[in-house]
Full PDB file with SEQRES, HELIX, SHEET, SSBOND, CRYST1, ORIGX, SCALE, CONECT and MASTER records, all heavy atoms in Angstrom:
SEQRES   1 A   38  ALA LEU ILE ASP ASP ALA ILE ILE LEU PRO ALA THR VAL          
SEQRES   2 A   38  THR ALA LYS TYR HIS TRP ALA MET ASP GLY GLY PHE LYS          
SEQRES   3 A   38  PRO TYR VAL GLY ALA GLY VAL THR HIS PHE PHE ILE              
HELIX    1 AA1 ASP A   22  GLY A   24  5                                   3    
SHEET    1 AA1 2 LEU A   9  HIS A  18  0                                        
SHEET    2 AA1 2 TYR A  28  PHE A  37 -1                                        
CRYST1    1.000    1.000    1.000  90.00  90.00  90.00 P 1           1          
ORIGX1      1.000000  0.000000  0.000000        0.00000                         
ORIGX2      0.000000  1.000000  0.000000        0.00000                         
ORIGX3      0.000000  0.000000  1.000000        0.00000                         
SCALE1      1.000000  0.000000  0.000000        0.00000                         
SCALE2      0.000000  1.000000  0.000000        0.00000                         
SCALE3      0.000000  0.000000  1.000000        0.00000                         
ATOM      1  N   ALA A   1      64.115 162.820  88.848  1.00  0.00           N  
ATOM      2  CA  ALA A   1      64.732 164.143  88.852  1.00  0.00           C  
ATOM      3  C   ALA A   1      63.588 165.235  89.249  1.00  0.00           C  
ATOM      4  O   ALA A   1      62.689 165.492  88.325  1.00  0.00           O  
ATOM      5  CB  ALA A   1      65.283 164.470  87.521  1.00  0.00           C  
ATOM      6  N   LEU A   2      63.706 165.841  90.320  1.00  0.00           N  
ATOM      7  CA  LEU A   2      62.627 166.774  90.903  1.00  0.00           C  
ATOM      8  C   LEU A   2      62.909 168.273  90.785  1.00  0.00           C  
ATOM      9  O   LEU A   2      62.196 169.000  90.217  1.00  0.00           O  
ATOM     10  CB  LEU A   2      62.291 166.363  92.265  1.00  0.00           C  
ATOM     11  CG  LEU A   2      61.746 164.917  92.477  1.00  0.00           C  
ATOM     12  CD1 LEU A   2      61.602 164.606  93.889  1.00  0.00           C  
ATOM     13  CD2 LEU A   2      60.544 164.598  91.627  1.00  0.00           C  
ATOM     14  N   ILE A   3      64.160 168.533  91.118  1.00  0.00           N  
ATOM     15  CA  ILE A   3      64.648 169.914  91.077  1.00  0.00           C  
ATOM     16  C   ILE A   3      66.112 169.933  90.633  1.00  0.00           C  
ATOM     17  O   ILE A   3      66.941 169.126  91.010  1.00  0.00           O  
ATOM     18  CB  ILE A   3      64.590 170.663  92.495  1.00  0.00           C  
ATOM     19  CG1 ILE A   3      63.189 170.609  93.007  1.00  0.00           C  
ATOM     20  CG2 ILE A   3      65.146 172.033  92.386  1.00  0.00           C  
ATOM     21  CD1 ILE A   3      62.976 171.170  94.422  1.00  0.00           C  
ATOM     22  N   ASP A   4      66.342 170.816  89.609  1.00  0.00           N  
ATOM     23  CA  ASP A   4      67.739 170.901  89.041  1.00  0.00           C  
ATOM     24  C   ASP A   4      68.280 172.296  89.404  1.00  0.00           C  
ATOM     25  O   ASP A   4      67.582 173.236  89.415  1.00  0.00           O  
ATOM     26  CB  ASP A   4      67.635 170.753  87.504  1.00  0.00           C  
ATOM     27  CG  ASP A   4      67.259 169.335  87.092  1.00  0.00           C  
ATOM     28  OD1 ASP A   4      67.395 168.454  87.864  1.00  0.00           O  
ATOM     29  OD2 ASP A   4      66.780 169.275  85.860  1.00  0.00           O  
ATOM     30  N   ASP A   5      69.546 172.282  89.557  1.00  0.00           N  
ATOM     31  CA  ASP A   5      70.426 173.507  89.692  1.00  0.00           C  
ATOM     32  C   ASP A   5      69.953 174.478  90.728  1.00  0.00           C  
ATOM     33  O   ASP A   5      70.038 175.723  90.319  1.00  0.00           O  
ATOM     34  CB  ASP A   5      70.610 174.038  88.309  1.00  0.00           C  
ATOM     35  CG  ASP A   5      71.134 173.164  87.298  1.00  0.00           C  
ATOM     36  OD1 ASP A   5      71.987 172.344  87.724  1.00  0.00           O  
ATOM     37  OD2 ASP A   5      70.702 173.115  86.074  1.00  0.00           O  
ATOM     38  N   ALA A   6      69.522 174.143  91.843  1.00  0.00           N  
ATOM     39  CA  ALA A   6      69.273 175.087  92.901  1.00  0.00           C  
ATOM     40  C   ALA A   6      70.588 175.631  93.442  1.00  0.00           C  
ATOM     41  O   ALA A   6      71.497 174.858  93.776  1.00  0.00           O  
ATOM     42  CB  ALA A   6      68.370 174.471  94.028  1.00  0.00           C  
ATOM     43  N   ILE A   7      70.688 176.963  93.478  1.00  0.00           N  
ATOM     44  CA  ILE A   7      71.908 177.680  93.980  1.00  0.00           C  
ATOM     45  C   ILE A   7      71.604 178.152  95.445  1.00  0.00           C  
ATOM     46  O   ILE A   7      70.571 178.878  95.622  1.00  0.00           O  
ATOM     47  CB  ILE A   7      72.251 178.688  93.013  1.00  0.00           C  
ATOM     48  CG1 ILE A   7      72.520 178.134  91.676  1.00  0.00           C  
ATOM     49  CG2 ILE A   7      73.628 179.357  93.640  1.00  0.00           C  
ATOM     50  CD1 ILE A   7      73.588 177.117  91.508  1.00  0.00           C  
ATOM     51  N   ILE A   8      72.427 177.808  96.367  1.00  0.00           N  
ATOM     52  CA  ILE A   8      72.315 178.275  97.799  1.00  0.00           C  
ATOM     53  C   ILE A   8      73.464 179.202  98.065  1.00  0.00           C  
ATOM     54  O   ILE A   8      74.616 178.990  97.935  1.00  0.00           O  
ATOM     55  CB  ILE A   8      72.281 177.149  98.813  1.00  0.00           C  
ATOM     56  CG1 ILE A   8      71.068 176.244  98.483  1.00  0.00           C  
ATOM     57  CG2 ILE A   8      72.166 177.695 100.158  1.00  0.00           C  
ATOM     58  CD1 ILE A   8      71.032 175.049  99.455  1.00  0.00           C  
ATOM     59  N   LEU A   9      73.106 180.440  98.601  1.00  0.00           N  
ATOM     60  CA  LEU A   9      73.994 181.372  99.149  1.00  0.00           C  
ATOM     61  C   LEU A   9      73.683 181.407 100.663  1.00  0.00           C  
ATOM     62  O   LEU A   9      72.775 182.047 101.120  1.00  0.00           O  
ATOM     63  CB  LEU A   9      73.765 182.806  98.500  1.00  0.00           C  
ATOM     64  CG  LEU A   9      74.628 183.909  99.134  1.00  0.00           C  
ATOM     65  CD1 LEU A   9      76.109 183.729  99.049  1.00  0.00           C  
ATOM     66  CD2 LEU A   9      74.194 185.257  98.539  1.00  0.00           C  
ATOM     67  N   PRO A  10      74.691 180.863 101.417  1.00  0.00           N  
ATOM     68  CA  PRO A  10      74.435 180.810 102.958  1.00  0.00           C  
ATOM     69  C   PRO A  10      75.081 181.895 103.695  1.00  0.00           C  
ATOM     70  O   PRO A  10      76.191 181.824 104.062  1.00  0.00           O  
ATOM     71  CB  PRO A  10      75.099 179.466 103.259  1.00  0.00           C  
ATOM     72  CG  PRO A  10      76.266 179.309 102.342  1.00  0.00           C  
ATOM     73  CD  PRO A  10      75.787 180.008 101.086  1.00  0.00           C  
ATOM     74  N   ALA A  11      74.399 183.107 103.716  1.00  0.00           N  
ATOM     75  CA  ALA A  11      74.888 184.155 104.561  1.00  0.00           C  
ATOM     76  C   ALA A  11      75.041 183.956 105.869  1.00  0.00           C  
ATOM     77  O   ALA A  11      73.979 183.554 106.592  1.00  0.00           O  
ATOM     78  CB  ALA A  11      74.024 185.334 104.368  1.00  0.00           C  
ATOM     79  N   THR A  12      76.235 183.765 106.412  1.00  0.00           N  
ATOM     80  CA  THR A  12      76.451 183.224 107.789  1.00  0.00           C  
ATOM     81  C   THR A  12      77.422 184.076 108.578  1.00  0.00           C  
ATOM     82  O   THR A  12      78.449 184.602 108.144  1.00  0.00           O  
ATOM     83  CB  THR A  12      77.116 181.795 107.656  1.00  0.00           C  
ATOM     84  OG1 THR A  12      76.192 180.976 106.821  1.00  0.00           O  
ATOM     85  CG2 THR A  12      77.282 181.148 108.986  1.00  0.00           C  
ATOM     86  N   VAL A  13      77.120 184.260 109.895  1.00  0.00           N  
ATOM     87  CA  VAL A  13      78.080 184.902 110.783  1.00  0.00           C  
ATOM     88  C   VAL A  13      78.069 184.092 112.055  1.00  0.00           C  
ATOM     89  O   VAL A  13      77.138 183.719 112.607  1.00  0.00           O  
ATOM     90  CB  VAL A  13      77.562 186.326 111.255  1.00  0.00           C  
ATOM     91  CG1 VAL A  13      78.433 186.952 112.179  1.00  0.00           C  
ATOM     92  CG2 VAL A  13      77.447 187.283 109.991  1.00  0.00           C  
ATOM     93  N   THR A  14      79.353 183.707 112.535  1.00  0.00           N  
ATOM     94  CA  THR A  14      79.494 182.970 113.707  1.00  0.00           C  
ATOM     95  C   THR A  14      80.499 183.693 114.633  1.00  0.00           C  
ATOM     96  O   THR A  14      81.385 184.450 114.276  1.00  0.00           O  
ATOM     97  CB  THR A  14      80.079 181.559 113.444  1.00  0.00           C  
ATOM     98  OG1 THR A  14      81.379 181.649 112.683  1.00  0.00           O  
ATOM     99  CG2 THR A  14      79.097 180.817 112.608  1.00  0.00           C  
ATOM    100  N   ALA A  15      80.261 183.526 115.945  1.00  0.00           N  
ATOM    101  CA  ALA A  15      81.233 183.873 117.021  1.00  0.00           C  
ATOM    102  C   ALA A  15      81.932 182.701 117.454  1.00  0.00           C  
ATOM    103  O   ALA A  15      81.381 181.620 117.655  1.00  0.00           O  
ATOM    104  CB  ALA A  15      80.410 184.514 118.212  1.00  0.00           C  
ATOM    105  N   LYS A  16      83.282 182.910 117.602  1.00  0.00           N  
ATOM    106  CA  LYS A  16      84.217 181.707 117.844  1.00  0.00           C  
ATOM    107  C   LYS A  16      84.999 181.901 119.133  1.00  0.00           C  
ATOM    108  O   LYS A  16      85.505 183.109 119.291  1.00  0.00           O  
ATOM    109  CB  LYS A  16      85.099 181.380 116.650  1.00  0.00           C  
ATOM    110  CG  LYS A  16      84.291 181.080 115.400  1.00  0.00           C  
ATOM    111  CD  LYS A  16      85.103 181.262 114.189  1.00  0.00           C  
ATOM    112  CE  LYS A  16      86.234 180.309 114.112  1.00  0.00           C  
ATOM    113  NZ  LYS A  16      87.174 180.427 112.874  1.00  0.00           N  
ATOM    114  N   TYR A  17      85.299 180.842 119.843  1.00  0.00           N  
ATOM    115  CA  TYR A  17      86.174 180.904 120.990  1.00  0.00           C  
ATOM    116  C   TYR A  17      87.339 179.919 120.667  1.00  0.00           C  
ATOM    117  O   TYR A  17      87.151 178.862 120.356  1.00  0.00           O  
ATOM    118  CB  TYR A  17      85.523 180.514 122.225  1.00  0.00           C  
ATOM    119  CG  TYR A  17      86.355 180.662 123.473  1.00  0.00           C  
ATOM    120  CD1 TYR A  17      86.525 181.861 124.114  1.00  0.00           C  
ATOM    121  CD2 TYR A  17      87.181 179.652 123.909  1.00  0.00           C  
ATOM    122  CE1 TYR A  17      87.440 182.035 125.217  1.00  0.00           C  
ATOM    123  CE2 TYR A  17      88.043 179.791 125.042  1.00  0.00           C  
ATOM    124  CZ  TYR A  17      88.126 181.011 125.594  1.00  0.00           C  
ATOM    125  OH  TYR A  17      88.987 181.112 126.776  1.00  0.00           O  
ATOM    126  N   HIS A  18      88.556 180.508 120.876  1.00  0.00           N  
ATOM    127  CA  HIS A  18      89.801 179.763 120.520  1.00  0.00           C  
ATOM    128  C   HIS A  18      90.597 179.391 121.757  1.00  0.00           C  
ATOM    129  O   HIS A  18      90.674 180.251 122.713  1.00  0.00           O  
ATOM    130  CB  HIS A  18      90.745 180.654 119.541  1.00  0.00           C  
ATOM    131  CG  HIS A  18      89.977 181.193 118.327  1.00  0.00           C  
ATOM    132  ND1 HIS A  18      90.218 180.738 117.075  1.00  0.00           N  
ATOM    133  CD2 HIS A  18      89.101 182.126 118.234  1.00  0.00           C  
ATOM    134  CE1 HIS A  18      89.549 181.421 116.251  1.00  0.00           C  
ATOM    135  NE2 HIS A  18      88.799 182.268 116.866  1.00  0.00           N  
ATOM    136  N   TRP A  19      91.332 178.302 121.696  1.00  0.00           N  
ATOM    137  CA  TRP A  19      92.295 177.954 122.790  1.00  0.00           C  
ATOM    138  C   TRP A  19      93.700 177.870 122.164  1.00  0.00           C  
ATOM    139  O   TRP A  19      93.838 177.342 121.090  1.00  0.00           O  
ATOM    140  CB  TRP A  19      92.016 176.539 123.341  1.00  0.00           C  
ATOM    141  CG  TRP A  19      90.701 176.478 124.239  1.00  0.00           C  
ATOM    142  CD1 TRP A  19      90.643 176.739 125.437  1.00  0.00           C  
ATOM    143  CD2 TRP A  19      89.380 176.167 123.714  1.00  0.00           C  
ATOM    144  NE1 TRP A  19      89.362 176.473 125.870  1.00  0.00           N  
ATOM    145  CE2 TRP A  19      88.491 176.242 124.838  1.00  0.00           C  
ATOM    146  CE3 TRP A  19      88.899 175.878 122.557  1.00  0.00           C  
ATOM    147  CZ2 TRP A  19      87.237 175.949 124.683  1.00  0.00           C  
ATOM    148  CZ3 TRP A  19      87.582 175.603 122.433  1.00  0.00           C  
ATOM    149  CH2 TRP A  19      86.679 175.645 123.465  1.00  0.00           C  
ATOM    150  N   ALA A  20      94.715 178.481 122.875  1.00  0.00           N  
ATOM    151  CA  ALA A  20      96.068 178.450 122.424  1.00  0.00           C  
ATOM    152  C   ALA A  20      96.782 177.204 123.057  1.00  0.00           C  
ATOM    153  O   ALA A  20      96.768 177.094 124.248  1.00  0.00           O  
ATOM    154  CB  ALA A  20      96.765 179.672 122.674  1.00  0.00           C  
ATOM    155  N   MET A  21      97.310 176.375 122.291  1.00  0.00           N  
ATOM    156  CA  MET A  21      97.972 175.183 122.775  1.00  0.00           C  
ATOM    157  C   MET A  21      99.467 175.082 122.357  1.00  0.00           C  
ATOM    158  O   MET A  21      99.946 176.025 121.595  1.00  0.00           O  
ATOM    159  CB  MET A  21      97.286 173.915 122.359  1.00  0.00           C  
ATOM    160  CG  MET A  21      95.768 173.939 122.741  1.00  0.00           C  
ATOM    161  SD  MET A  21      94.890 172.551 122.389  1.00  0.00           S  
ATOM    162  CE  MET A  21      95.540 171.299 123.649  1.00  0.00           C  
ATOM    163  N   ASP A  22     100.274 174.180 122.720  1.00  0.00           N  
ATOM    164  CA  ASP A  22     101.646 174.053 122.413  1.00  0.00           C  
ATOM    165  C   ASP A  22     101.758 173.932 120.893  1.00  0.00           C  
ATOM    166  O   ASP A  22     100.973 173.310 120.114  1.00  0.00           O  
ATOM    167  CB  ASP A  22     102.240 172.772 123.037  1.00  0.00           C  
ATOM    168  CG  ASP A  22     102.359 172.921 124.570  1.00  0.00           C  
ATOM    169  OD1 ASP A  22     102.219 174.086 125.020  1.00  0.00           O  
ATOM    170  OD2 ASP A  22     102.531 171.845 125.170  1.00  0.00           O  
ATOM    171  N   GLY A  23     102.817 174.616 120.405  1.00  0.00           N  
ATOM    172  CA  GLY A  23     103.209 174.551 118.982  1.00  0.00           C  
ATOM    173  C   GLY A  23     102.284 175.449 118.154  1.00  0.00           C  
ATOM    174  O   GLY A  23     102.381 175.406 116.879  1.00  0.00           O  
ATOM    175  N   GLY A  24     101.600 176.222 118.749  1.00  0.00           N  
ATOM    176  CA  GLY A  24     100.660 177.208 117.979  1.00  0.00           C  
ATOM    177  C   GLY A  24      99.339 176.580 117.594  1.00  0.00           C  
ATOM    178  O   GLY A  24      98.459 177.284 116.975  1.00  0.00           O  
ATOM    179  N   PHE A  25      99.062 175.364 117.881  1.00  0.00           N  
ATOM    180  CA  PHE A  25      97.824 174.721 117.596  1.00  0.00           C  
ATOM    181  C   PHE A  25      96.742 175.373 118.302  1.00  0.00           C  
ATOM    182  O   PHE A  25      96.686 175.558 119.525  1.00  0.00           O  
ATOM    183  CB  PHE A  25      97.897 173.225 118.003  1.00  0.00           C  
ATOM    184  CG  PHE A  25      96.626 172.381 117.601  1.00  0.00           C  
ATOM    185  CD1 PHE A  25      96.359 172.100 116.284  1.00  0.00           C  
ATOM    186  CD2 PHE A  25      95.817 172.080 118.651  1.00  0.00           C  
ATOM    187  CE1 PHE A  25      95.249 171.405 116.027  1.00  0.00           C  
ATOM    188  CE2 PHE A  25      94.720 171.255 118.419  1.00  0.00           C  
ATOM    189  CZ  PHE A  25      94.393 170.954 117.043  1.00  0.00           C  
ATOM    190  N   LYS A  26      95.661 175.777 117.585  1.00  0.00           N  
ATOM    191  CA  LYS A  26      94.492 176.540 118.176  1.00  0.00           C  
ATOM    192  C   LYS A  26      93.100 175.957 117.692  1.00  0.00           C  
ATOM    193  O   LYS A  26      92.618 176.169 116.595  1.00  0.00           O  
ATOM    194  CB  LYS A  26      94.521 177.996 117.779  1.00  0.00           C  
ATOM    195  CG  LYS A  26      95.699 178.772 118.353  1.00  0.00           C  
ATOM    196  CD  LYS A  26      95.572 180.256 118.016  1.00  0.00           C  
ATOM    197  CE  LYS A  26      96.615 181.111 118.679  1.00  0.00           C  
ATOM    198  NZ  LYS A  26      96.546 182.575 118.447  1.00  0.00           N  
ATOM    199  N   PRO A  27      92.606 174.984 118.541  1.00  0.00           N  
ATOM    200  CA  PRO A  27      91.288 174.545 118.290  1.00  0.00           C  
ATOM    201  C   PRO A  27      90.279 175.629 118.818  1.00  0.00           C  
ATOM    202  O   PRO A  27      90.541 176.499 119.472  1.00  0.00           O  
ATOM    203  CB  PRO A  27      91.145 173.354 119.178  1.00  0.00           C  
ATOM    204  CG  PRO A  27      92.080 173.509 120.354  1.00  0.00           C  
ATOM    205  CD  PRO A  27      93.210 174.392 119.720  1.00  0.00           C  
ATOM    206  N   TYR A  28      89.030 175.573 118.137  1.00  0.00           N  
ATOM    207  CA  TYR A  28      87.977 176.496 118.443  1.00  0.00           C  
ATOM    208  C   TYR A  28      86.593 175.853 118.291  1.00  0.00           C  
ATOM    209  O   TYR A  28      86.425 174.775 117.662  1.00  0.00           O  
ATOM    210  CB  TYR A  28      88.079 177.770 117.525  1.00  0.00           C  
ATOM    211  CG  TYR A  28      87.965 177.448 116.011  1.00  0.00           C  
ATOM    212  CD1 TYR A  28      86.649 177.222 115.417  1.00  0.00           C  
ATOM    213  CD2 TYR A  28      89.053 177.405 115.233  1.00  0.00           C  
ATOM    214  CE1 TYR A  28      86.601 176.927 114.045  1.00  0.00           C  
ATOM    215  CE2 TYR A  28      89.000 177.122 113.792  1.00  0.00           C  
ATOM    216  CZ  TYR A  28      87.763 176.877 113.269  1.00  0.00           C  
ATOM    217  OH  TYR A  28      87.690 176.605 111.973  1.00  0.00           O  
ATOM    218  N   VAL A  29      85.644 176.466 118.899  1.00  0.00           N  
ATOM    219  CA  VAL A  29      84.259 176.221 118.726  1.00  0.00           C  
ATOM    220  C   VAL A  29      83.479 177.443 118.459  1.00  0.00           C  
ATOM    221  O   VAL A  29      83.997 178.582 118.762  1.00  0.00           O  
ATOM    222  CB  VAL A  29      83.708 175.493 119.961  1.00  0.00           C  
ATOM    223  CG1 VAL A  29      84.248 174.091 120.130  1.00  0.00           C  
ATOM    224  CG2 VAL A  29      83.798 176.280 121.193  1.00  0.00           C  
ATOM    225  N   GLY A  30      82.379 177.433 117.772  1.00  0.00           N  
ATOM    226  CA  GLY A  30      81.541 178.551 117.476  1.00  0.00           C  
ATOM    227  C   GLY A  30      80.055 178.275 117.258  1.00  0.00           C  
ATOM    228  O   GLY A  30      79.718 177.144 117.196  1.00  0.00           O  
ATOM    229  N   ALA A  31      79.369 179.337 117.153  1.00  0.00           N  
ATOM    230  CA  ALA A  31      77.945 179.169 116.841  1.00  0.00           C  
ATOM    231  C   ALA A  31      77.547 180.588 116.270  1.00  0.00           C  
ATOM    232  O   ALA A  31      78.137 181.636 116.578  1.00  0.00           O  
ATOM    233  CB  ALA A  31      77.080 178.920 118.143  1.00  0.00           C  
ATOM    234  N   GLY A  32      76.451 180.502 115.532  1.00  0.00           N  
ATOM    235  CA  GLY A  32      75.943 181.655 114.960  1.00  0.00           C  
ATOM    236  C   GLY A  32      74.570 181.538 114.199  1.00  0.00           C  
ATOM    237  O   GLY A  32      73.957 180.468 114.345  1.00  0.00           O  
ATOM    238  N   VAL A  33      74.252 182.501 113.234  1.00  0.00           N  
ATOM    239  CA  VAL A  33      73.099 182.522 112.659  1.00  0.00           C  
ATOM    240  C   VAL A  33      73.367 182.478 111.029  1.00  0.00           C  
ATOM    241  O   VAL A  33      74.445 182.847 110.702  1.00  0.00           O  
ATOM    242  CB  VAL A  33      72.284 183.789 112.928  1.00  0.00           C  
ATOM    243  CG1 VAL A  33      71.783 183.686 114.333  1.00  0.00           C  
ATOM    244  CG2 VAL A  33      72.998 185.097 112.716  1.00  0.00           C  
ATOM    245  N   THR A  34      72.380 182.118 110.336  1.00  0.00           N  
ATOM    246  CA  THR A  34      72.507 182.050 108.936  1.00  0.00           C  
ATOM    247  C   THR A  34      71.150 182.432 108.244  1.00  0.00           C  
ATOM    248  O   THR A  34      70.149 182.201 108.847  1.00  0.00           O  
ATOM    249  CB  THR A  34      72.980 180.635 108.417  1.00  0.00           C  
ATOM    250  OG1 THR A  34      73.293 180.698 106.961  1.00  0.00           O  
ATOM    251  CG2 THR A  34      71.861 179.590 108.657  1.00  0.00           C  
ATOM    252  N   HIS A  35      71.303 182.808 106.953  1.00  0.00           N  
ATOM    253  CA  HIS A  35      70.140 183.012 106.057  1.00  0.00           C  
ATOM    254  C   HIS A  35      70.449 182.370 104.736  1.00  0.00           C  
ATOM    255  O   HIS A  35      71.313 182.860 104.089  1.00  0.00           O  
ATOM    256  CB  HIS A  35      69.769 184.503 105.986  1.00  0.00           C  
ATOM    257  CG  HIS A  35      68.381 184.705 105.295  1.00  0.00           C  
ATOM    258  ND1 HIS A  35      68.351 184.837 103.913  1.00  0.00           N  
ATOM    259  CD2 HIS A  35      67.222 184.804 105.740  1.00  0.00           C  
ATOM    260  CE1 HIS A  35      66.975 185.033 103.523  1.00  0.00           C  
ATOM    261  NE2 HIS A  35      66.373 184.982 104.629  1.00  0.00           N  
ATOM    262  N   PHE A  36      69.724 181.381 104.328  1.00  0.00           N  
ATOM    263  CA  PHE A  36      69.905 180.728 103.179  1.00  0.00           C  
ATOM    264  C   PHE A  36      69.139 181.411 102.092  1.00  0.00           C  
ATOM    265  O   PHE A  36      67.862 181.549 102.133  1.00  0.00           O  
ATOM    266  CB  PHE A  36      69.496 179.182 103.161  1.00  0.00           C  
ATOM    267  CG  PHE A  36      70.489 178.424 103.758  1.00  0.00           C  
ATOM    268  CD1 PHE A  36      71.555 178.795 104.453  1.00  0.00           C  
ATOM    269  CD2 PHE A  36      70.546 176.999 103.361  1.00  0.00           C  
ATOM    270  CE1 PHE A  36      72.486 177.886 104.959  1.00  0.00           C  
ATOM    271  CE2 PHE A  36      71.476 176.100 103.850  1.00  0.00           C  
ATOM    272  CZ  PHE A  36      72.419 176.555 104.566  1.00  0.00           C  
ATOM    273  N   PHE A  37      69.761 182.010 101.064  1.00  0.00           N  
ATOM    274  CA  PHE A  37      69.125 182.539  99.851  1.00  0.00           C  
ATOM    275  C   PHE A  37      69.194 181.485  98.788  1.00  0.00           C  
ATOM    276  O   PHE A  37      70.299 181.023  98.443  1.00  0.00           O  
ATOM    277  CB  PHE A  37      69.882 183.788  99.342  1.00  0.00           C  
ATOM    278  CG  PHE A  37      69.726 184.973 100.330  1.00  0.00           C  
ATOM    279  CD1 PHE A  37      70.703 185.260 101.225  1.00  0.00           C  
ATOM    280  CD2 PHE A  37      68.667 185.804 100.320  1.00  0.00           C  
ATOM    281  CE1 PHE A  37      70.717 186.219 102.149  1.00  0.00           C  
ATOM    282  CE2 PHE A  37      68.589 186.835 101.260  1.00  0.00           C  
ATOM    283  CZ  PHE A  37      69.664 187.058 102.162  1.00  0.00           C  
ATOM    284  N   ILE A  38      68.020 181.119  98.282  1.00  0.00           N  
ATOM    285  CA  ILE A  38      68.063 179.891  97.340  1.00  0.00           C  
ATOM    286  C   ILE A  38      67.413 180.515  95.974  1.00  0.00           C  
ATOM    287  O   ILE A  38      66.313 181.064  96.033  1.00  0.00           O  
ATOM    288  CB  ILE A  38      67.226 178.798  97.704  1.00  0.00           C  
ATOM    289  CG1 ILE A  38      67.676 178.358  99.161  1.00  0.00           C  
ATOM    290  CG2 ILE A  38      67.288 177.559  96.881  1.00  0.00           C  
ATOM    291  CD1 ILE A  38      66.858 177.178  99.836  1.00  0.00           C  
TER     292      ILE A  38                                                      
MASTER        0    0    0    1    2    0    0    6  291    1    0    3          
END                                                                             
C-alpha cells in the first residue's frame, strides 16, 4: 500500500463531430484537452 485515497478532478473539454443515421442513431468522435487536479 503506497498511496491511499488520491482524488482526481479531470477538468476536460472536448470538441465532437456527430453523424446522423437511420432511426436517430448518432455516433460521434471527439478530441480535447484536460487538466488533472489531484
